Amino acid sequence: MRRIISNIELFMFDLDGTLYRGDRVFEASASVLDEIKRQGKRYLLLTNNSSKSSWEYHAKLRKMGLPAGSDEVYTSTMATMAYLKRVGMKKLYVLAMPSVKREFEQEGFVLRDDAPDAVVLCFDLTLTYEKIYTACRLIMSGSAFVATHPDVLCPSEGFPYPDCGAISRMITAATGAEPTVLGKPNKTMVDAALAIGRSSAQSAAMVGDRLNTDMEMGYRTNLKTILVLSGVTSQQEVNQAPRKPDIILESVADLLQLLGSLRQ
């Protein structure tokens, strides 16, 4: 494990379940980020959770005492907007929190419910039946269907929340349309992260708590994979998985110890 860690230049961290849970930051999270910087390495904070705008994530991280510069956070919403710009879809019907809708508008998108280019599904905690009906109507009328990420559940201090993946399945059941899904484990998320982090896949690692997104993204793109058991994945699930991460840790506190051993 020590040899693997020593060769990593860029650590890509998932947020919820990895560095914090809900609004509770894990004890070693700030220290592990500081240690990475101290050793001349880099980190990038990645999240599939599209219920907050990028500036809300920066504010939350600062409040938690987690250092994150303006170019050290990348969200599934940002990946989705990059995709939509690339394929030329500007007119959107967006199911999202108000702040996330504003982020779309600030990036030049036009939000409308009349013949949009695409219906974009985010993790919308203000979801209503009317929104779902409108989304289905527009998709069945020819608008493309795009989802920010595939996560079915979002971890919380209590019972997990039904997430974007669960909502998209309902819309698919009603319309027959499968969404284009961005976020982890989509390769576009990795490509953007590596470009921002100025790294190759061979010298980067994904640190996260989910097998089907965090670790899967690493498997698909030849990143080193570091699973922490502080989120949604149990050791039993790891044992039953067909492919195992390169490193399995109880939490980022163990990663801090591994990084510390490099200075000894």
C-alpha atoms as a PDB file:
ATOM      1  CA  MET A   1       0.000   0.000   0.000  1.00  0.00           C
ATOM      2  CA  ARG A   2       2.806   2.390   0.842  1.00  0.00           C
ATOM      3  CA  ARG A   3       4.316   1.974  -2.639  1.00  0.00           C
ATOM      4  CA  ILE A   4       0.969   2.720  -4.302  1.00  0.00           C
ATOM      5  CA  ILE A   5       0.448   5.856  -2.220  1.00  0.00           C
ATOM      6  CA  SER A   6       3.970   7.127  -2.895  1.00  0.00           C
ATOM      7  CA  ASN A   7       3.368   7.062  -6.676  1.00  0.00           C
ATOM      8  CA  ILE A   8       0.126   9.057  -6.556  1.00  0.00           C
ATOM      9  CA  GLU A   9       0.369  12.728  -7.524  1.00  0.00           C
ATOM     10  CA  LEU A  10      -3.357  13.552  -7.634  1.00  0.00           C
ATOM     11  CA  PHE A  11      -5.941  12.316  -5.120  1.00  0.00           C
ATOM     12  CA  MET A  12      -9.551  12.669  -6.263  1.00  0.00           C
ATOM     13  CA  PHE A  13     -11.865  12.545  -3.265  1.00  0.00           C
ATOM     14  CA  ASP A  14     -15.562  11.856  -3.146  1.00  0.00           C
ATOM     15  CA  LEU A  15     -17.254  14.083  -0.556  1.00  0.00           C
ATOM     16  CA  ASP A  16     -20.312  12.675   1.240  1.00  0.00           C
ATOM     17  CA  GLY A  17     -19.420   9.395   2.918  1.00  0.00           C
ATOM     18  CA  THR A  18     -15.702   9.964   2.364  1.00  0.00           C
ATOM     19  CA  LEU A  19     -14.738  13.333   3.885  1.00  0.00           C
ATOM     20  CA  TYR A  20     -18.016  13.958   5.702  1.00  0.00           C
ATOM     21  CA  ARG A  21     -21.482  12.565   6.232  1.00  0.00           C
ATOM     22  CA  GLY A  22     -24.320  15.045   5.905  1.00  0.00           C
ATOM     23  CA  ASP A  23     -23.115  18.055   7.880  1.00  0.00           C
ATOM     24  CA  ARG A  24     -20.641  16.142  10.067  1.00  0.00           C
ATOM     25  CA  VAL A  25     -17.049  16.279   8.906  1.00  0.00           C
ATOM     26  CA  PHE A  26     -14.889  13.255   9.666  1.00  0.00           C
ATOM     27  CA  GLU A  27     -12.096  13.971  12.131  1.00  0.00           C
ATOM     28  CA  ALA A  28      -9.105  13.351   9.851  1.00  0.00           C
ATOM     29  CA  SER A  29     -10.487  14.946   6.673  1.00  0.00           C
ATOM     30  CA  ALA A  30      -8.847  18.382   6.962  1.00  0.00           C
ATOM     31  CA  SER A  31      -5.569  16.823   8.087  1.00  0.00           C
ATOM     32  CA  VAL A  32      -5.359  14.445   5.135  1.00  0.00           C
ATOM     33  CA  LEU A  33      -5.880  17.298   2.670  1.00  0.00           C
ATOM     34  CA  ASP A  34      -3.216  19.364   4.439  1.00  0.00           C
ATOM     35  CA  GLU A  35      -0.795  16.440   4.369  1.00  0.00           C
ATOM     36  CA  ILE A  36      -1.301  15.945   0.634  1.00  0.00           C
ATOM     37  CA  LYS A  37      -0.389  19.589   0.017  1.00  0.00           C
ATOM     38  CA  ARG A  38       2.545  19.374   2.438  1.00  0.00           C
ATOM     39  CA  GLN A  39       4.036  16.561   0.367  1.00  0.00           C
ATOM     40  CA  GLY A  40       3.721  18.520  -2.885  1.00  0.00           C
ATOM     41  CA  LYS A  41       0.865  16.383  -4.140  1.00  0.00           C
ATOM     42  CA  ARG A  42      -2.549  17.637  -5.306  1.00  0.00           C
ATOM     43  CA  TYR A  43      -6.182  16.852  -4.618  1.00  0.00           C
ATOM     44  CA  LEU A  44      -9.526  17.461  -6.270  1.00  0.00           C
ATOM     45  CA  LEU A  45     -12.908  17.117  -4.573  1.00  0.00           C
ATOM     46  CA  LEU A  46     -15.500  15.389  -6.745  1.00  0.00           C
ATOM     47  CA  THR A  47     -19.174  14.943  -5.998  1.00  0.00           C
ATOM     48  CA  ASN A  48     -22.114  13.429  -7.824  1.00  0.00           C
ATOM     49  CA  ASN A  49     -24.529  15.187  -5.491  1.00  0.00           C
ATOM     50  CA  SER A  50     -26.181  17.878  -7.631  1.00  0.00           C
ATOM     51  CA  SER A  51     -28.457  19.296  -4.934  1.00  0.00           C
ATOM     52  CA  LYS A  52     -26.074  22.216  -4.342  1.00  0.00           C
ATOM     53  CA  SER A  53     -24.417  24.760  -6.607  1.00  0.00           C
ATOM     54  CA  SER A  54     -20.635  24.886  -6.846  1.00  0.00           C
ATOM     55  CA  TRP A  55     -20.497  28.033  -4.686  1.00  0.00           C
ATOM     56  CA  GLU A  56     -22.659  26.339  -2.031  1.00  0.00           C
ATOM     57  CA  TYR A  57     -20.188  23.460  -1.941  1.00  0.00           C
ATOM     58  CA  HIS A  58     -17.302  25.894  -1.479  1.00  0.00           C
ATOM     59  CA  ALA A  59     -19.186  27.576   1.378  1.00  0.00           C
ATOM     60  CA  LYS A  60     -20.007  24.233   3.012  1.00  0.00           C
ATOM     61  CA  LEU A  61     -16.415  23.029   2.762  1.00  0.00           C
ATOM     62  CA  ARG A  62     -15.085  26.271   4.259  1.00  0.00           C
ATOM     63  CA  LYS A  63     -17.573  25.997   7.121  1.00  0.00           C
ATOM     64  CA  MET A  64     -16.358  22.452   7.774  1.00  0.00           C
ATOM     65  CA  GLY A  65     -12.741  23.608   7.785  1.00  0.00           C
ATOM     66  CA  LEU A  66     -11.880  21.709   4.610  1.00  0.00           C
ATOM     67  CA  PRO A  67      -9.485  23.662   2.371  1.00  0.00           C
ATOM     68  CA  ALA A  68     -10.716  23.841  -1.222  1.00  0.00           C
ATOM     69  CA  GLY A  69      -9.671  26.420  -3.790  1.00  0.00           C
ATOM     70  CA  SER A  70     -11.871  27.567  -6.646  1.00  0.00           C
ATOM     71  CA  ASP A  71     -10.309  24.954  -8.961  1.00  0.00           C
ATOM     72  CA  GLU A  72     -10.364  22.083  -6.453  1.00  0.00           C
ATOM     73  CA  VAL A  73     -14.094  21.230  -6.544  1.00  0.00           C
ATOM     74  CA  TYR A  74     -15.825  19.566  -9.491  1.00  0.00           C
ATOM     75  CA  THR A  75     -19.478  18.523  -9.415  1.00  0.00           C
ATOM     76  CA  SER A  76     -21.683  16.351 -11.614  1.00  0.00           C
ATOM     77  CA  THR A  77     -23.618  19.522 -12.465  1.00  0.00           C
ATOM     78  CA  MET A  78     -20.437  21.073 -13.848  1.00  0.00           C
ATOM     79  CA  ALA A  79     -19.767  17.913 -15.879  1.00  0.00           C
ATOM     80  CA  THR A  80     -23.343  17.989 -17.180  1.00  0.00           C
ATOM     81  CA  MET A  81     -23.101  21.634 -18.229  1.00  0.00           C
ATOM     82  CA  ALA A  82     -19.823  20.921 -20.035  1.00  0.00           C
ATOM     83  CA  TYR A  83     -21.504  18.050 -21.915  1.00  0.00           C
ATOM     84  CA  LEU A  84     -24.548  20.147 -22.856  1.00  0.00           C
ATOM     85  CA  LYS A  85     -22.323  22.920 -24.209  1.00  0.00           C
ATOM     86  CA  ARG A  86     -20.314  20.397 -26.208  1.00  0.00           C
ATOM     87  CA  VAL A  87     -23.410  18.921 -27.900  1.00  0.00           C
ATOM     88  CA  GLY A  88     -25.045  22.329 -28.433  1.00  0.00           C
ATOM     89  CA  MET A  89     -28.052  21.996 -26.119  1.00  0.00           C
ATOM     90  CA  LYS A  90     -28.841  25.436 -24.693  1.00  0.00           C
ATOM     91  CA  LYS A  91     -32.604  25.444 -23.992  1.00  0.00           C
ATOM     92  CA  LEU A  92     -33.346  23.283 -20.953  1.00  0.00           C
ATOM     93  CA  TYR A  93     -36.063  22.171 -18.594  1.00  0.00           C
ATOM     94  CA  VAL A  94     -34.168  21.573 -15.352  1.00  0.00           C
ATOM     95  CA  LEU A  95     -35.428  19.665 -12.331  1.00  0.00           C
ATOM     96  CA  ALA A  96     -33.153  21.082  -9.647  1.00  0.00           C
ATOM     97  CA  MET A  97     -32.840  23.177  -6.537  1.00  0.00           C
ATOM     98  CA  PRO A  98     -33.211  26.959  -7.106  1.00  0.00           C
ATOM     99  CA  SER A  99     -29.488  27.639  -6.612  1.00  0.00           C
ATOM    100  CA  VAL A 100     -28.562  24.956  -9.149  1.00  0.00           C
ATOM    101  CA  LYS A 101     -30.994  26.444 -11.663  1.00  0.00           C
ATOM    102  CA  ARG A 102     -29.263  29.801 -11.187  1.00  0.00           C
ATOM    103  CA  GLU A 103     -25.924  28.138 -11.878  1.00  0.00           C
ATOM    104  CA  PHE A 104     -27.267  26.862 -15.205  1.00  0.00           C
ATOM    105  CA  GLU A 105     -28.494  30.346 -16.064  1.00  0.00           C
ATOM    106  CA  GLN A 106     -25.185  31.926 -15.130  1.00  0.00           C
ATOM    107  CA  GLU A 107     -23.481  29.507 -17.517  1.00  0.00           C
ATOM    108  CA  GLY A 108     -25.633  30.827 -20.365  1.00  0.00           C
ATOM    109  CA  PHE A 109     -28.390  28.219 -20.526  1.00  0.00           C
ATOM    110  CA  VAL A 110     -32.000  29.248 -21.140  1.00  0.00           C
ATOM    111  CA  LEU A 111     -34.460  27.529 -18.787  1.00  0.00           C
ATOM    112  CA  ARG A 112     -37.918  26.913 -20.204  1.00  0.00           C
ATOM    113  CA  ASP A 113     -40.760  24.384 -20.208  1.00  0.00           C
ATOM    114  CA  ASP A 114     -41.689  24.900 -23.871  1.00  0.00           C
ATOM    115  CA  ALA A 115     -39.918  22.578 -26.337  1.00  0.00           C
ATOM    116  CA  PRO A 116     -36.476  22.554 -24.654  1.00  0.00           C
ATOM    117  CA  ASP A 117     -33.524  20.788 -26.209  1.00  0.00           C
ATOM    118  CA  ALA A 118     -33.236  18.613 -23.124  1.00  0.00           C
ATOM    119  CA  VAL A 119     -34.804  17.762 -19.805  1.00  0.00           C
ATOM    120  CA  VAL A 120     -32.040  17.776 -17.183  1.00  0.00           C
ATOM    121  CA  LEU A 121     -32.580  15.866 -13.959  1.00  0.00           C
ATOM    122  CA  CYS A 122     -30.527  16.880 -10.915  1.00  0.00           C
ATOM    123  CA  PHE A 123     -30.918  15.751  -7.304  1.00  0.00           C
ATOM    124  CA  ASP A 124     -33.969  17.915  -6.673  1.00  0.00           C
ATOM    125  CA  LEU A 125     -35.188  18.074  -3.066  1.00  0.00           C
ATOM    126  CA  THR A 126     -38.040  20.344  -4.224  1.00  0.00           C
ATOM    127  CA  LEU A 127     -39.388  17.693  -6.601  1.00  0.00           C
ATOM    128  CA  THR A 128     -43.143  17.737  -7.178  1.00  0.00           C
ATOM    129  CA  TYR A 129     -45.579  15.665  -9.204  1.00  0.00           C
ATOM    130  CA  GLU A 130     -46.062  18.635 -11.511  1.00  0.00           C
ATOM    131  CA  LYS A 131     -42.324  18.738 -12.263  1.00  0.00           C
ATOM    132  CA  ILE A 132     -42.275  15.007 -12.989  1.00  0.00           C
ATOM    133  CA  TYR A 133     -45.336  15.289 -15.234  1.00  0.00           C
ATOM    134  CA  THR A 134     -43.780  18.201 -17.159  1.00  0.00           C
ATOM    135  CA  ALA A 135     -40.515  16.322 -17.584  1.00  0.00           C
ATOM    136  CA  CYS A 136     -42.289  13.229 -18.898  1.00  0.00           C
ATOM    137  CA  ARG A 137     -44.469  15.303 -21.257  1.00  0.00           C
ATOM    138  CA  LEU A 138     -41.446  17.058 -22.725  1.00  0.00           C
ATOM    139  CA  ILE A 139     -39.413  13.860 -23.120  1.00  0.00           C
ATOM    140  CA  MET A 140     -42.310  12.109 -24.834  1.00  0.00           C
ATOM    141  CA  SER A 141     -42.590  15.162 -27.119  1.00  0.00           C
ATOM    142  CA  GLY A 142     -39.000  14.780 -28.280  1.00  0.00           C
ATOM    143  CA  SER A 143     -36.698  16.523 -25.785  1.00  0.00           C
ATOM    144  CA  ALA A 144     -33.525  14.673 -24.838  1.00  0.00           C
ATOM    145  CA  PHE A 145     -33.252  13.243 -21.317  1.00  0.00           C
ATOM    146  CA  VAL A 146     -30.073  13.958 -19.325  1.00  0.00           C
ATOM    147  CA  ALA A 147     -29.297  13.064 -15.692  1.00  0.00           C
ATOM    148  CA  THR A 148     -26.433  14.515 -13.690  1.00  0.00           C
ATOM    149  CA  HIS A 149     -25.501  11.220 -12.018  1.00  0.00           C
ATOM    150  CA  PRO A 150     -26.649   7.611 -11.472  1.00  0.00           C
ATOM    151  CA  ASP A 151     -26.679   7.374  -7.642  1.00  0.00           C
ATOM    152  CA  VAL A 152     -29.879   5.737  -6.402  1.00  0.00           C
ATOM    153  CA  LEU A 153     -29.410   6.744  -2.753  1.00  0.00           C
ATOM    154  CA  CYS A 154     -27.717   9.707  -1.078  1.00  0.00           C
ATOM    155  CA  PRO A 155     -26.212   8.992   2.380  1.00  0.00           C
ATOM    156  CA  SER A 156     -27.419  11.006   5.352  1.00  0.00           C
ATOM    157  CA  GLU A 157     -27.159  10.932   9.136  1.00  0.00           C
ATOM    158  CA  GLY A 158     -30.416   8.958   9.171  1.00  0.00           C
ATOM    159  CA  PHE A 159     -32.005   6.921   6.395  1.00  0.00           C
ATOM    160  CA  PRO A 160     -30.540   7.687   2.952  1.00  0.00           C
ATOM    161  CA  TYR A 161     -32.450   9.894   0.517  1.00  0.00           C
ATOM    162  CA  PRO A 162     -33.762   8.567  -2.820  1.00  0.00           C
ATOM    163  CA  ASP A 163     -31.345  10.185  -5.275  1.00  0.00           C
ATOM    164  CA  CYS A 164     -31.169  11.098  -8.944  1.00  0.00           C
ATOM    165  CA  GLY A 165     -30.839   7.502 -10.138  1.00  0.00           C
ATOM    166  CA  ALA A 166     -34.058   6.481  -8.417  1.00  0.00           C
ATOM    167  CA  ILE A 167     -35.967   9.457  -9.824  1.00  0.00           C
ATOM    168  CA  SER A 168     -34.644   8.861 -13.339  1.00  0.00           C
ATOM    169  CA  ARG A 169     -35.871   5.261 -13.221  1.00  0.00           C
ATOM    170  CA  MET A 170     -39.386   6.511 -12.525  1.00  0.00           C
ATOM    171  CA  ILE A 171     -39.219   8.855 -15.523  1.00  0.00           C
ATOM    172  CA  THR A 172     -37.804   6.068 -17.700  1.00  0.00           C
ATOM    173  CA  ALA A 173     -40.619   3.743 -16.615  1.00  0.00           C
ATOM    174  CA  ALA A 174     -43.159   6.368 -17.677  1.00  0.00           C
ATOM    175  CA  THR A 175     -41.537   7.476 -20.946  1.00  0.00           C
ATOM    176  CA  GLY A 176     -39.416   4.555 -22.108  1.00  0.00           C
ATOM    177  CA  ALA A 177     -36.488   6.971 -22.508  1.00  0.00           C
ATOM    178  CA  GLU A 178     -33.115   6.136 -20.970  1.00  0.00           C
ATOM    179  CA  PRO A 179     -31.148   9.214 -19.847  1.00  0.00           C
ATOM    180  CA  THR A 180     -27.659  10.227 -20.843  1.00  0.00           C
ATOM    181  CA  VAL A 181     -25.994  10.022 -17.436  1.00  0.00           C
ATOM    182  CA  LEU A 182     -23.046  12.219 -16.504  1.00  0.00           C
ATOM    183  CA  GLY A 183     -21.069  12.323 -13.240  1.00  0.00           C
ATOM    184  CA  LYS A 184     -19.164   9.378 -11.804  1.00  0.00           C
ATOM    185  CA  PRO A 185     -18.410   6.818 -13.246  1.00  0.00           C
ATOM    186  CA  ASN A 186     -18.728   8.556 -16.617  1.00  0.00           C
ATOM    187  CA  LYS A 187     -15.364   9.000 -18.344  1.00  0.00           C
ATOM    188  CA  THR A 188     -16.055  12.687 -18.993  1.00  0.00           C
ATOM    189  CA  MET A 189     -15.883  13.266 -15.238  1.00  0.00           C
ATOM    190  CA  VAL A 190     -12.436  11.669 -15.108  1.00  0.00           C
ATOM    191  CA  ASP A 191     -11.114  13.501 -18.157  1.00  0.00           C
ATOM    192  CA  ALA A 192     -12.183  16.864 -16.723  1.00  0.00           C
ATOM    193  CA  ALA A 193     -10.744  16.034 -13.302  1.00  0.00           C
ATOM    194  CA  LEU A 194      -7.388  14.957 -14.718  1.00  0.00           C
ATOM    195  CA  ALA A 195      -7.177  18.114 -16.812  1.00  0.00           C
ATOM    196  CA  ILE A 196      -7.960  20.321 -13.820  1.00  0.00           C
ATOM    197  CA  GLY A 197      -5.571  18.356 -11.601  1.00  0.00           C
ATOM    198  CA  ARG A 198      -2.783  18.380 -14.220  1.00  0.00           C
ATOM    199  CA  SER A 199      -2.258  14.645 -13.959  1.00  0.00           C
ATOM    200  CA  SER A 200      -2.310  11.435 -15.952  1.00  0.00           C
ATOM    201  CA  ALA A 201      -4.499   8.499 -14.963  1.00  0.00           C
ATOM    202  CA  GLN A 202      -1.375   6.491 -14.114  1.00  0.00           C
ATOM    203  CA  SER A 203      -0.436   8.892 -11.301  1.00  0.00           C
ATOM    204  CA  ALA A 204      -3.932   9.584  -9.953  1.00  0.00           C
ATOM    205  CA  ALA A 205      -6.235   7.824  -7.495  1.00  0.00           C
ATOM    206  CA  MET A 206      -9.949   7.899  -6.744  1.00  0.00           C
ATOM    207  CA  VAL A 207     -10.807   7.853  -3.041  1.00  0.00           C
ATOM    208  CA  GLY A 208     -14.470   7.143  -2.313  1.00  0.00           C
ATOM    209  CA  ASP A 209     -17.079   5.092  -0.518  1.00  0.00           C
ATOM    210  CA  ARG A 210     -19.087   3.644  -3.426  1.00  0.00           C
ATOM    211  CA  LEU A 211     -18.234   0.589  -5.502  1.00  0.00           C
ATOM    212  CA  ASN A 212     -20.623   1.376  -8.369  1.00  0.00           C
ATOM    213  CA  THR A 213     -19.524   4.985  -8.961  1.00  0.00           C
ATOM    214  CA  ASP A 214     -16.241   5.919  -7.260  1.00  0.00           C
ATOM    215  CA  MET A 215     -14.453   2.598  -7.690  1.00  0.00           C
ATOM    216  CA  GLU A 216     -16.102   1.838 -11.020  1.00  0.00           C
ATOM    217  CA  MET A 217     -14.834   5.139 -12.391  1.00  0.00           C
ATOM    218  CA  GLY A 218     -11.341   4.140 -11.363  1.00  0.00           C
ATOM    219  CA  TYR A 219     -11.651   0.683 -12.909  1.00  0.00           C
ATOM    220  CA  ARG A 220     -12.836   2.110 -16.238  1.00  0.00           C
ATOM    221  CA  THR A 221     -10.049   4.654 -16.553  1.00  0.00           C
ATOM    222  CA  ASN A 222      -7.064   2.915 -14.905  1.00  0.00           C
ATOM    223  CA  LEU A 223      -6.949   5.129 -11.822  1.00  0.00           C
ATOM    224  CA  LYS A 224      -5.722   3.653  -8.570  1.00  0.00           C
ATOM    225  CA  THR A 225      -8.741   2.925  -6.393  1.00  0.00           C
ATOM    226  CA  ILE A 226      -8.967   3.569  -2.651  1.00  0.00           C
ATOM    227  CA  LEU A 227     -12.224   2.527  -0.984  1.00  0.00           C
ATOM    228  CA  VAL A 228     -13.163   3.849   2.452  1.00  0.00           C
ATOM    229  CA  LEU A 229     -15.776   2.010   4.519  1.00  0.00           C
ATOM    230  CA  SER A 230     -17.069   5.193   6.168  1.00  0.00           C
ATOM    231  CA  GLY A 231     -19.953   5.617   3.708  1.00  0.00           C
ATOM    232  CA  VAL A 232     -22.426   3.314   1.958  1.00  0.00           C
ATOM    233  CA  THR A 233     -20.242   0.257   1.253  1.00  0.00           C
ATOM    234  CA  SER A 234     -19.710  -2.514   3.788  1.00  0.00           C
ATOM    235  CA  GLN A 235     -16.851  -5.010   3.981  1.00  0.00           C
ATOM    236  CA  GLN A 236     -19.335  -7.762   3.129  1.00  0.00           C
ATOM    237  CA  GLU A 237     -20.259  -5.991  -0.105  1.00  0.00           C
ATOM    238  CA  VAL A 238     -16.568  -5.657  -0.959  1.00  0.00           C
ATOM    239  CA  ASN A 239     -16.055  -9.370  -0.332  1.00  0.00           C
ATOM    240  CA  GLN A 240     -18.895 -10.190  -2.738  1.00  0.00           C
ATOM    241  CA  ALA A 241     -17.788  -7.749  -5.440  1.00  0.00           C
ATOM    242  CA  PRO A 242     -16.260  -9.272  -8.614  1.00  0.00           C
ATOM    243  CA  ARG A 243     -13.453  -6.707  -8.611  1.00  0.00           C
ATOM    244  CA  LYS A 244     -11.631  -5.318  -5.592  1.00  0.00           C
ATOM    245  CA  PRO A 245     -10.166  -1.836  -5.061  1.00  0.00           C
ATOM    246  CA  ASP A 246      -6.391  -1.473  -4.873  1.00  0.00           C
ATOM    247  CA  ILE A 247      -6.631  -0.310  -1.242  1.00  0.00           C
ATOM    248  CA  ILE A 248      -9.459  -0.729   1.283  1.00  0.00           C
ATOM    249  CA  LEU A 249      -9.440   1.479   4.399  1.00  0.00           C
ATOM    250  CA  GLU A 250     -11.794   2.070   7.282  1.00  0.00           C
ATOM    251  CA  SER A 251     -11.678   5.844   6.722  1.00  0.00           C
ATOM    252  CA  VAL A 252      -9.475   8.707   5.494  1.00  0.00           C
ATOM    253  CA  ALA A 253      -7.777   8.576   8.903  1.00  0.00           C
ATOM    254  CA  ASP A 254      -6.005   5.439   7.652  1.00  0.00           C
ATOM    255  CA  LEU A 255      -4.993   7.284   4.492  1.00  0.00           C
ATOM    256  CA  LEU A 256      -3.507  10.015   6.673  1.00  0.00           C
ATOM    257  CA  GLN A 257      -1.383   7.400   8.424  1.00  0.00           C
ATOM    258  CA  LEU A 258      -0.197   5.973   5.114  1.00  0.00           C
ATOM    259  CA  LEU A 259       0.767   9.423   3.868  1.00  0.00           C
ATOM    260  CA  GLY A 260       2.554  10.112   7.126  1.00  0.00           C
ATOM    261  CA  SER A 261       4.604   6.936   6.728  1.00  0.00           C
ATOM    262  CA  LEU A 262       6.083   8.353   3.522  1.00  0.00           C
ATOM    263  CA  ARG A 263       7.877  11.035   5.560  1.00  0.00           C
ATOM    264  CA  GLN A 264       9.445   8.537   7.955  1.00  0.00           C
END
